[in-house]
N, C-alpha and C. Protein backbone atom coordinates (compact mmCIF):
# COMPACT_ATOMS: atom_id res chain seq x y z
N UNK A 1 -97.73 -91.56 83.41
CA UNK A 1 -96.83 -91.04 84.06
C UNK A 1 -96.84 -89.78 84.96
N UNK A 2 -96.36 -89.73 85.71
CA UNK A 2 -96.51 -88.46 86.88
C UNK A 2 -95.05 -88.30 87.35
N UNK A 3 -95.09 -86.98 87.36
CA UNK A 3 -93.91 -85.91 87.60
C UNK A 3 -93.12 -86.31 86.88
N UNK A 4 -91.76 -86.01 87.46
CA UNK A 4 -90.33 -86.01 86.55
C UNK A 4 -89.40 -87.53 86.60
N UNK A 5 -88.72 -88.16 85.46
CA UNK A 5 -88.32 -89.27 85.50
C UNK A 5 -87.37 -89.13 84.09
N UNK A 6 -86.28 -89.95 84.40
CA UNK A 6 -85.43 -90.15 83.22
C UNK A 6 -84.58 -88.92 83.14
N UNK A 7 -83.76 -88.81 84.25
CA UNK A 7 -83.01 -87.66 84.47
C UNK A 7 -81.47 -88.16 83.75
N UNK A 8 -81.00 -87.29 83.23
CA UNK A 8 -79.88 -87.58 82.44
C UNK A 8 -78.89 -86.17 82.40
N UNK A 9 -77.64 -86.48 82.60
CA UNK A 9 -76.81 -85.21 82.72
C UNK A 9 -75.88 -85.57 81.50
N UNK A 10 -75.44 -84.12 80.82
CA UNK A 10 -74.42 -84.46 79.85
C UNK A 10 -73.25 -83.22 80.00
N UNK A 11 -72.04 -83.46 79.60
CA UNK A 11 -71.12 -82.59 79.89
C UNK A 11 -70.68 -82.31 78.47
N UNK A 12 -70.03 -80.80 78.32
CA UNK A 12 -69.45 -80.66 76.94
C UNK A 12 -68.14 -79.46 77.45
N UNK A 13 -67.38 -78.53 76.41
CA UNK A 13 -66.68 -77.66 76.75
C UNK A 13 -67.04 -76.69 77.82
N UNK A 14 -68.62 -76.43 77.38
CA UNK A 14 -69.46 -75.12 77.90
C UNK A 14 -69.94 -75.49 78.93
N UNK A 15 -70.05 -76.87 79.38
CA UNK A 15 -70.40 -76.83 81.03
C UNK A 15 -71.35 -78.51 80.84
N UNK A 16 -72.49 -78.00 81.53
CA UNK A 16 -73.26 -79.18 82.35
C UNK A 16 -74.83 -79.13 81.98
N UNK A 17 -75.27 -80.25 81.29
CA UNK A 17 -77.07 -79.59 80.93
C UNK A 17 -77.39 -81.22 81.73
N UNK A 18 -78.50 -80.78 82.41
CA UNK A 18 -79.41 -81.95 82.93
C UNK A 18 -80.86 -81.77 82.22
N UNK A 19 -81.09 -82.74 81.61
CA UNK A 19 -82.44 -83.36 81.16
C UNK A 19 -83.27 -84.08 81.49
N UNK A 20 -84.43 -83.97 81.24
CA UNK A 20 -85.59 -84.97 82.15
C UNK A 20 -86.91 -84.89 81.41
N UNK A 21 -87.98 -85.76 81.69
CA UNK A 21 -88.91 -86.17 80.96
C UNK A 21 -89.94 -85.44 82.60
N UNK A 22 -90.73 -84.67 82.11
CA UNK A 22 -92.15 -84.34 82.71
C UNK A 22 -93.23 -84.45 82.67
N UNK A 23 -94.34 -84.20 83.26
CA UNK A 23 -95.50 -84.69 82.97
C UNK A 23 -96.43 -83.53 82.75
N UNK A 24 -96.76 -82.78 81.74
CA UNK A 24 -97.36 -81.64 81.39
C UNK A 24 -98.84 -82.36 80.78
N UNK A 25 -99.81 -81.74 81.85
CA UNK A 25 -101.14 -82.31 81.62
C UNK A 25 -101.22 -83.51 81.16
N UNK A 26 -100.65 -84.82 81.79
CA UNK A 26 -100.41 -85.84 81.20
C UNK A 26 -99.72 -86.11 79.81
N UNK A 27 -99.07 -85.33 79.76
CA UNK A 27 -98.49 -85.51 78.06
C UNK A 27 -96.96 -85.57 78.26
N UNK A 28 -96.01 -86.50 77.69
CA UNK A 28 -94.57 -86.56 78.08
C UNK A 28 -94.10 -84.98 77.80
N UNK A 29 -93.26 -83.97 78.60
CA UNK A 29 -92.62 -83.47 77.97
C UNK A 29 -90.98 -83.18 78.34
N UNK A 30 -90.24 -83.17 77.33
CA UNK A 30 -88.66 -82.85 77.58
C UNK A 30 -88.39 -81.72 77.71
N UNK A 31 -87.63 -81.72 79.23
CA UNK A 31 -86.69 -80.30 79.40
C UNK A 31 -85.72 -80.63 79.75
N UNK A 32 -84.65 -79.28 79.90
CA UNK A 32 -83.35 -78.97 80.27
C UNK A 32 -83.18 -77.81 80.84
N UNK A 33 -82.12 -77.89 81.91
CA UNK A 33 -81.44 -77.17 82.34
C UNK A 33 -79.89 -76.99 81.82
N UNK A 34 -79.25 -75.52 82.66
CA UNK A 34 -77.80 -75.59 81.89
C UNK A 34 -77.12 -75.04 83.50
N UNK A 35 -76.18 -75.73 83.91
CA UNK A 35 -75.85 -75.05 84.72
C UNK A 35 -74.95 -73.87 84.82
N UNK A 36 -74.69 -72.82 85.44
CA UNK A 36 -73.75 -71.65 85.05
C UNK A 36 -73.17 -71.32 86.34
N UNK A 37 -72.21 -70.50 86.20
CA UNK A 37 -71.15 -70.22 88.01
C UNK A 37 -72.20 -70.03 88.82
N UNK A 38 -73.21 -69.60 88.82
CA UNK A 38 -74.43 -69.62 89.78
C UNK A 38 -75.21 -70.06 90.21
N UNK A 39 -75.69 -70.78 89.23
CA UNK A 39 -77.00 -71.71 89.67
C UNK A 39 -77.33 -72.54 88.35
N UNK A 40 -78.27 -73.02 88.47
CA UNK A 40 -79.32 -73.88 87.34
C UNK A 40 -80.09 -72.87 86.55
N UNK A 41 -79.80 -73.00 85.33
CA UNK A 41 -80.97 -71.89 84.48
C UNK A 41 -82.27 -72.52 84.55
N UNK A 42 -83.26 -71.64 84.57
CA UNK A 42 -84.77 -72.32 84.47
C UNK A 42 -85.24 -73.29 83.59
N UNK A 43 -85.86 -74.34 83.91
CA UNK A 43 -86.33 -75.41 83.07
C UNK A 43 -86.66 -74.63 81.69
N UNK A 44 -86.45 -75.34 80.68
CA UNK A 44 -86.50 -74.99 79.35
C UNK A 44 -87.54 -76.26 78.61
N UNK A 45 -88.53 -76.17 77.96
CA UNK A 45 -89.55 -77.40 77.26
C UNK A 45 -88.81 -77.35 75.93
N UNK A 46 -88.22 -78.66 75.50
CA UNK A 46 -87.98 -78.75 74.66
C UNK A 46 -88.88 -79.30 73.12
N UNK A 47 -89.66 -80.25 73.98
CA UNK A 47 -90.79 -80.88 72.70
C UNK A 47 -91.74 -81.33 73.84
N UNK A 48 -92.90 -82.01 73.13
CA UNK A 48 -93.57 -82.66 74.23
C UNK A 48 -94.64 -83.58 73.16
N UNK A 49 -95.45 -84.69 73.64
CA UNK A 49 -96.13 -85.53 72.62
C UNK A 49 -96.66 -86.52 73.23
N UNK A 50 -97.70 -86.73 72.37
CA UNK A 50 -98.54 -88.03 72.86
C UNK A 50 -98.19 -88.94 72.23
N UNK A 51 -97.55 -89.25 71.35
CA UNK A 51 -97.39 -90.42 70.67
C UNK A 51 -95.48 -91.01 70.87
N UNK A 52 -95.28 -90.52 72.18
CA UNK A 52 -93.79 -90.67 72.55
C UNK A 52 -94.00 -92.10 73.13
N UNK A 53 -92.96 -92.83 72.56
CA UNK A 53 -92.50 -94.03 73.24
C UNK A 53 -92.01 -94.31 74.65
N UNK A 54 -92.30 -93.92 75.82
CA UNK A 54 -91.45 -93.94 76.82
C UNK A 54 -90.92 -95.09 77.63
N UNK A 55 -90.22 -95.67 77.82
CA UNK A 55 -89.96 -96.57 79.29
C UNK A 55 -88.42 -95.97 79.47
N UNK A 56 -88.03 -96.97 80.63
CA UNK A 56 -86.82 -96.65 81.54
C UNK A 56 -85.95 -96.57 80.86
N UNK A 57 -85.57 -97.93 79.96
CA UNK A 57 -84.65 -98.17 79.01
C UNK A 57 -84.08 -96.99 77.65
N UNK A 58 -85.25 -96.28 77.37
CA UNK A 58 -84.93 -95.13 76.51
C UNK A 58 -84.93 -94.08 76.86
N UNK A 59 -84.52 -93.53 77.81
CA UNK A 59 -84.72 -92.12 78.29
C UNK A 59 -84.37 -91.06 77.12
N UNK A 60 -85.06 -90.06 77.11
CA UNK A 60 -84.44 -89.11 76.14
C UNK A 60 -83.32 -88.29 76.90
N UNK A 61 -82.58 -87.50 75.91
CA UNK A 61 -81.70 -86.41 76.57
C UNK A 61 -81.49 -85.59 75.62
N UNK A 62 -80.82 -84.21 76.08
CA UNK A 62 -80.19 -83.20 75.12
C UNK A 62 -78.89 -83.28 75.73
N UNK A 63 -78.03 -82.76 74.45
CA UNK A 63 -76.67 -82.62 74.61
C UNK A 63 -76.11 -81.29 73.65
N UNK A 64 -74.93 -81.12 73.98
CA UNK A 64 -73.96 -79.92 73.29
C UNK A 64 -73.26 -80.57 72.38
N UNK A 65 -73.48 -80.10 71.03
CA UNK A 65 -72.32 -80.60 70.48
C UNK A 65 -70.99 -79.63 70.55
N UNK A 66 -69.86 -80.22 69.63
CA UNK A 66 -68.36 -79.61 69.77
C UNK A 66 -68.76 -77.98 69.17
N UNK A 67 -69.66 -77.91 68.06
CA UNK A 67 -69.80 -76.16 67.85
C UNK A 67 -71.30 -75.73 68.40
N UNK A 68 -71.79 -76.27 69.45
CA UNK A 68 -72.17 -75.62 70.66
C UNK A 68 -73.73 -75.38 69.98
N UNK A 69 -74.31 -76.73 69.20
CA UNK A 69 -75.33 -76.55 68.88
C UNK A 69 -76.12 -77.48 69.79
N UNK A 70 -77.49 -77.06 70.60
CA UNK A 70 -77.75 -78.31 71.13
C UNK A 70 -78.56 -78.83 70.24
N UNK A 71 -78.97 -80.44 70.83
CA UNK A 71 -79.42 -81.55 70.26
C UNK A 71 -80.26 -82.40 71.13
N UNK A 72 -81.42 -82.97 70.79
CA UNK A 72 -82.41 -84.00 71.64
C UNK A 72 -82.61 -84.80 70.92
N UNK A 73 -83.24 -86.06 71.56
CA UNK A 73 -83.45 -87.35 71.10
C UNK A 73 -84.85 -87.94 72.00
N UNK A 74 -85.65 -88.31 71.27
CA UNK A 74 -86.74 -89.12 72.11
C UNK A 74 -87.51 -90.22 70.78
N UNK A 75 -87.60 -91.40 71.37
CA UNK A 75 -88.45 -92.58 70.58
C UNK A 75 -89.45 -92.08 70.19
N UNK A 76 -90.67 -92.19 69.32
CA UNK A 76 -91.57 -91.93 68.86
C UNK A 76 -92.56 -93.53 68.39
N UNK A 77 -93.39 -93.45 69.04
CA UNK A 77 -94.39 -94.83 68.85
C UNK A 77 -95.45 -94.70 67.51
N UNK A 78 -94.48 -95.10 66.41
CA UNK A 78 -95.55 -94.76 65.10
C UNK A 78 -96.32 -96.07 64.92
N UNK A 79 -97.48 -96.19 64.47
CA UNK A 79 -98.13 -97.49 63.71
C UNK A 79 -98.07 -97.40 62.60
N UNK A 80 -97.81 -98.77 62.06
CA UNK A 80 -97.38 -98.68 60.85
C UNK A 80 -98.92 -99.10 59.83
N UNK A 81 -98.94 -98.49 58.82
CA UNK A 81 -100.05 -98.07 58.06
C UNK A 81 -99.66 -99.12 56.64
N UNK A 82 -100.66 -100.05 57.05
CA UNK A 82 -100.70 -101.13 55.60
C UNK A 82 -101.83 -100.69 54.30
């Protein structure tokens, strides 16, 4: 994976968030920014991992709950241990 992909926009009563996957040192990294009255905030790194299951169908996202809490989700590839 190179560059950024998986862009998601979410809205709440507080505003708009954009989240995306970036490639930091060849490791998928979930980042987000928030739209303010003046501009977008600087990107914030949420999480990263070598064991992420990344496809175009399963893009991660960041959203704000009604109580103001930010939540994020991403699938992780796990190997079954037998």
